[in-house]
Protein backbone atom coordinates (compact mmCIF):
# COMPACT_ATOMS: atom_id res chain seq x y z
CA MET A 1 74.75 95.57 116.13
CA LYS A 2 73.45 92.32 114.71
CA LYS A 3 74.80 92.56 111.17
CA ILE A 4 77.11 94.74 109.07
CA VAL A 5 77.60 94.20 105.33
CA LEU A 6 80.96 95.14 103.78
CA THR A 7 81.26 95.34 99.99
CA GLY A 8 84.64 95.35 98.28
CA ALA A 9 85.97 93.22 101.13
CA CYS A 10 88.91 91.86 99.10
CA GLY A 11 90.14 95.26 97.95
CA ALA A 12 93.09 97.19 99.34
CA LEU A 13 90.90 99.27 101.69
CA GLY A 14 88.09 96.79 102.29
CA SER A 15 90.59 94.22 103.55
CA GLN A 16 91.74 96.74 106.17
CA LEU A 17 88.17 97.06 107.47
CA ARG A 18 87.15 93.43 107.91
CA ALA A 19 88.60 92.87 111.39
CA PRO A 20 87.54 96.25 112.86
CA LEU A 21 83.99 95.87 111.52
CA ALA A 22 83.72 92.33 112.85
CA LYS A 23 84.24 93.72 116.35
CA LEU A 24 81.22 96.02 115.96
CA ALA A 25 78.58 93.40 115.10
CA ASP A 26 77.40 89.89 115.85
CA GLU A 27 77.85 89.05 112.17
CA LEU A 28 79.95 90.59 109.41
CA VAL A 29 78.91 89.68 105.88
CA SER A 30 81.80 90.41 103.52
CA THR A 31 81.24 90.41 99.78
CA ASP A 32 83.29 90.92 96.64
CA ILE A 33 83.23 89.88 93.00
CA ALA A 34 86.57 88.22 93.72
CA GLU A 35 86.90 84.86 95.44
CA ALA A 36 86.82 84.57 99.23
CA PRO A 37 89.90 85.45 101.29
CA ASP A 38 92.09 82.57 102.46
CA SER A 39 90.65 82.77 105.97
CA LEU A 40 87.62 84.34 107.62
CA LEU A 41 87.07 85.81 111.06
CA ASP A 42 85.03 83.87 113.60
CA ASN A 43 81.86 85.90 113.03
CA GLU A 44 82.45 86.66 109.33
CA ARG A 45 80.59 85.14 106.40
CA PHE A 46 81.71 85.69 102.80
CA VAL A 47 79.39 85.88 99.79
CA GLN A 48 80.82 86.21 96.29
CA ALA A 49 78.52 88.53 94.35
CA ASP A 50 78.36 90.97 91.46
CA LEU A 51 77.13 94.32 92.77
CA ALA A 52 75.31 94.95 89.49
CA ASP A 53 72.98 92.02 90.32
CA LEU A 54 70.19 93.47 92.45
CA ALA A 55 68.77 90.08 93.46
CA ALA A 56 72.19 88.90 94.69
CA VAL A 57 72.79 92.09 96.66
CA GLU A 58 69.29 92.05 98.13
CA ALA A 59 69.82 88.50 99.39
CA LEU A 60 72.96 89.33 101.34
CA MET A 61 71.45 92.53 102.83
CA GLN A 62 68.67 90.78 104.77
CA GLY A 63 68.86 91.81 108.44
CA ALA A 64 71.67 94.33 107.93
CA GLU A 65 71.72 97.42 110.10
CA MET A 66 74.78 99.05 108.56
CA VAL A 67 76.28 98.77 105.06
CA VAL A 68 79.88 99.78 104.40
CA HIS A 69 80.07 100.12 100.63
CA PHE A 70 83.66 99.98 99.33
CA GLY A 71 83.02 97.82 96.25
CA ALA A 72 83.88 99.46 92.91
CA ILE A 73 86.59 99.80 90.29
CA PRO A 74 88.98 102.21 92.09
CA ASP A 75 90.40 103.98 89.06
CA GLU A 76 89.45 105.83 85.89
CA ARG A 77 88.21 103.56 83.09
CA PRO A 78 86.04 103.96 79.99
CA PHE A 79 82.48 104.76 81.03
CA ASP A 80 81.03 101.41 79.95
CA GLU A 81 83.53 99.56 82.19
CA LEU A 82 82.48 101.62 85.20
CA LEU A 83 78.74 101.49 84.51
CA GLY A 84 78.09 98.12 86.17
CA PRO A 85 80.33 98.12 89.26
CA ASN A 86 80.39 101.86 90.03
CA PHE A 87 77.04 103.26 88.88
CA ILE A 88 74.57 100.37 88.86
CA GLY A 89 76.40 98.76 91.80
CA ALA A 90 75.84 101.87 93.90
CA TYR A 91 72.13 101.83 93.04
CA THR A 92 71.71 98.17 93.95
CA VAL A 93 73.45 98.69 97.31
CA TRP A 94 71.21 101.62 98.27
CA GLU A 95 68.04 99.99 96.96
CA ALA A 96 68.77 96.66 98.65
CA ALA A 97 69.73 98.40 101.90
CA HIS A 98 66.43 100.28 101.85
CA ARG A 99 64.42 97.13 101.15
CA ALA A 100 66.21 95.35 104.01
CA GLY A 101 65.41 98.14 106.46
CA ALA A 102 69.06 99.09 107.03
CA ARG A 103 69.74 102.26 108.96
CA ARG A 104 72.79 103.66 107.18
CA VAL A 105 75.18 103.31 104.24
CA VAL A 106 78.80 104.33 104.79
CA TYR A 107 80.16 104.93 101.30
CA ALA A 108 83.69 105.10 99.92
CA SER A 109 83.35 108.25 97.85
CA SER A 110 86.43 110.06 96.58
CA VAL A 111 88.18 113.39 96.23
CA HIS A 112 87.68 112.85 92.49
CA ALA A 113 84.02 113.82 92.87
CA VAL A 114 85.42 117.34 93.27
CA GLY A 115 88.80 116.76 91.64
CA LEU A 116 88.75 119.88 89.43
CA GLN A 117 88.26 122.20 92.40
CA GLU A 118 91.28 124.33 93.30
CA THR A 119 93.65 122.81 95.85
CA MET A 120 94.42 126.08 97.63
CA ALA A 121 90.80 127.19 98.10
CA GLY A 122 90.44 125.71 101.62
CA HIS A 123 87.35 123.60 100.89
CA ASP A 124 85.00 122.26 103.55
CA THR A 125 82.57 119.38 103.06
CA GLU A 126 80.03 121.50 101.17
CA VAL A 127 82.19 122.14 98.10
CA PRO A 128 80.08 121.51 94.96
CA HIS A 129 80.68 118.53 92.72
CA ARG A 130 83.27 119.04 89.99
CA PRO A 131 84.40 115.58 88.87
CA ASP A 132 87.72 115.08 87.14
CA SER A 133 86.91 111.75 85.44
CA PHE A 134 84.22 109.19 84.72
CA TYR A 135 85.36 107.61 87.99
CA GLY A 136 84.75 110.89 89.82
CA LEU A 137 81.38 111.18 88.08
CA SER A 138 80.38 107.80 89.52
CA LYS A 139 81.12 109.17 92.99
CA CYS A 140 78.96 112.24 92.31
CA PHE A 141 76.14 109.92 91.20
CA ALA A 142 76.34 107.84 94.36
CA GLU A 143 76.56 110.88 96.66
CA ASP A 144 73.50 112.46 95.03
CA MET A 145 71.63 109.16 95.24
CA GLY A 146 72.56 108.88 98.90
CA ARG A 147 71.13 112.33 99.55
CA MET A 148 67.96 111.45 97.62
CA PHE A 149 67.47 108.19 99.55
CA TRP A 150 67.83 110.16 102.81
CA ASP A 151 65.39 112.87 101.68
CA LYS A 152 62.81 110.50 100.20
CA ARG A 153 63.24 107.29 102.23
CA GLY A 154 65.03 108.18 105.45
CA LEU A 155 68.07 105.97 104.77
CA GLU A 156 71.09 107.66 106.32
CA ALA A 157 74.40 107.95 104.48
CA VAL A 158 77.92 109.08 105.28
CA CYS A 159 79.94 109.63 102.11
CA LEU A 160 83.68 109.56 102.71
CA ARG A 161 85.63 111.57 100.15
CA ILE A 162 88.82 109.54 100.42
CA MET A 163 91.91 111.33 99.20
CA SER A 164 95.16 109.24 99.17
CA CYS A 165 94.83 106.14 101.35
CA THR A 166 98.11 104.21 101.44
CA PRO A 167 100.32 102.68 104.16
CA GLU A 168 102.68 105.69 103.87
CA PRO A 169 102.56 108.96 101.89
CA GLN A 170 103.87 108.29 98.38
CA ASN A 171 104.67 111.75 96.99
CA ALA A 172 104.67 115.47 97.74
CA ARG A 173 100.95 115.78 96.93
CA ALA A 174 100.23 113.28 99.72
CA LEU A 175 101.49 115.78 102.28
CA HIS A 176 98.01 117.29 102.10
CA THR A 177 95.97 114.32 100.83
CA TRP A 178 97.22 111.30 102.82
CA LEU A 179 94.82 109.08 104.77
CA SER A 180 96.58 106.42 106.84
CA TYR A 181 95.10 102.96 107.21
CA GLY A 182 94.67 103.62 110.93
CA ASP A 183 92.75 106.82 110.30
CA LEU A 184 90.66 105.08 107.64
CA VAL A 185 89.51 102.62 110.29
CA ARG A 186 88.84 105.45 112.76
CA LEU A 187 86.81 107.34 110.14
CA VAL A 188 84.65 104.34 109.23
CA GLU A 189 84.13 103.40 112.89
CA ALA A 190 83.04 106.97 113.68
CA SER A 191 80.65 106.94 110.72
CA ILE A 192 79.05 103.75 112.06
CA THR A 193 78.89 104.54 115.77
CA THR A 194 77.61 108.15 115.55
CA PRO A 195 73.97 107.91 116.69
CA VAL A 196 72.45 110.14 113.97
CA THR A 197 74.11 111.29 110.74
CA GLY A 198 71.34 112.06 108.27
CA PHE A 199 73.12 112.60 104.96
CA SER A 200 76.71 113.68 105.56
CA VAL A 201 79.92 114.09 103.60
CA ALA A 202 83.32 113.80 105.28
CA TRP A 203 86.83 114.09 103.95
CA GLY A 204 88.93 110.94 104.18
CA VAL A 205 92.16 112.62 105.24
CA SER A 206 94.56 112.31 108.15
CA ALA A 207 95.65 115.09 110.51
CA ASN A 208 98.09 116.47 107.96
CA SER A 209 99.71 119.80 108.77
CA ARG A 210 99.25 120.82 105.12
CA ALA A 211 95.71 119.47 104.67
CA SER A 212 93.86 121.38 101.95
CA VAL A 213 90.35 120.44 103.14
CA SER A 214 88.44 120.65 106.41
CA ASN A 215 85.96 118.44 108.28
CA HIS A 216 84.93 121.16 110.72
CA LYS A 217 81.30 121.09 109.55
CA VAL A 218 80.96 117.39 110.40
CA SER A 219 82.75 117.38 113.74
CA PHE A 220 79.66 115.65 115.19
CA LEU A 221 80.91 112.42 113.60
CA GLY A 222 83.62 112.31 116.24
CA TYR A 223 86.38 111.50 113.73
CA ARG A 224 89.70 112.46 115.28
CA PRO A 225 92.61 111.53 112.97
CA ARG A 226 95.96 110.80 114.59
CA ASP A 227 98.49 110.47 111.78
CA ASN A 228 100.31 113.25 109.93
CA ALA A 229 102.03 113.06 106.55
CA GLU A 230 104.43 115.77 107.72
CA ASP A 231 106.46 113.02 109.38
CA TRP A 232 107.58 112.09 105.83
CA ALA A 233 108.13 115.64 104.56
CA ASP A 234 111.94 115.52 104.57
CA ARG A 235 111.89 112.50 102.27
CA LEU A 236 109.09 113.71 100.00
CA LEU A 237 110.41 117.27 99.60
CA PRO A 238 114.17 116.90 99.08
CA THR A 239 114.33 120.15 97.08
CA PRO A 240 111.77 122.95 96.63
CA LYS A 241 109.97 122.91 93.31
CA THR A 242 108.69 125.91 91.40
CA PRO A 243 104.95 125.51 90.91
CA ASP A 244 103.53 125.64 87.41
CA PRO A 245 100.23 127.54 87.57
CA SER A 246 99.16 126.09 84.22
CA ASP A 247 99.52 122.48 85.47
CA ARG A 248 96.12 121.29 86.71
CA SER A 249 97.74 118.25 88.32
CA GLN A 250 99.38 120.70 90.75
CA ARG A 251 96.50 123.16 90.93
CA CYS A 252 93.52 120.82 91.39
CA LEU A 253 92.45 118.52 94.21
CA GLY A 254 92.34 115.52 91.89
CA GLY A 255 96.07 115.69 91.10
CA PRO A 256 96.94 113.63 87.99
CA PHE A 257 93.30 112.61 87.56
CA ALA A 258 92.67 116.24 86.60
CA VAL A 259 94.81 115.95 83.48
CA VAL A 260 94.62 112.34 82.25
CA PRO A 261 92.30 111.85 79.25
CA LEU A 262 88.85 110.54 80.11
CA GLY A 263 88.89 106.77 80.35
CA GLU A 264 92.65 106.45 81.00
CA SER A 265 94.10 105.30 84.32
CA GLY A 266 94.71 108.02 86.89
CA VAL A 267 96.30 105.53 89.29
CA GLU A 268 99.04 104.85 86.73
CA ALA A 269 99.67 108.59 86.42
CA ILE A 270 100.01 108.86 90.20
CA ARG A 271 102.44 105.91 90.19
CA ARG A 272 104.62 107.63 87.60
CA MET A 273 104.53 110.85 89.62
CA SER A 274 105.60 109.00 92.78
CA GLU A 275 108.48 107.40 90.91
CA GLY A 276 109.54 110.71 89.42
CA SER A 277 109.05 109.52 85.85
């Protein structure tokens, strides 16, 4: 490929993707609202930009074939704080990609788009939206926009419903939600290199023995995860716990995001859960 654009390039997940994406194209254009990384790859160019600024996003999209859109606030916040980076930012990325003649957007969606669905229901990639937060609502908006741009304009999209992407599983919930950094890279690479995707949704999850979701309907993407959170089970499950059927943080896919008040941090709730506090 001639050019790939990566948004959110300075974030925890975007920074993991820079080197792998640079190997897939003549030029990688990385962008973030934050300042440039300390060093760039040989074929990487960095542009500091606000995703809510359509003109700025349109300028960096020129000549792009693929867009990997990971730029957003990655947590629950009051709606007005998410409006620019998560809602308007998603629109500008799709609109600018269309205007530039790009072929596909690979989007960092989230489990929180369906976070109030039941964990034990065995969901595939066609489970209906049921957001657990304003953050999850922003992911629903972007997924629906991606489908509309495919239906109306022929711009492909692969929306990755990322679950818990960390270097190692952090808590018992991660035994079914964990996505390793290695499998994240494999998932994004598969979403880019698959010849035709149309509009597709895929779960961002590793090959966990206890996985609560399935990618069997999008096997054509060729994503074959290798890592398994079960390797950490002895540490994460020192003693069996009695489930509380009234606790939506246990019962729902979104975990703590399913119970925190709207506008309050779900990431902080997950941190407290991991620390046992």
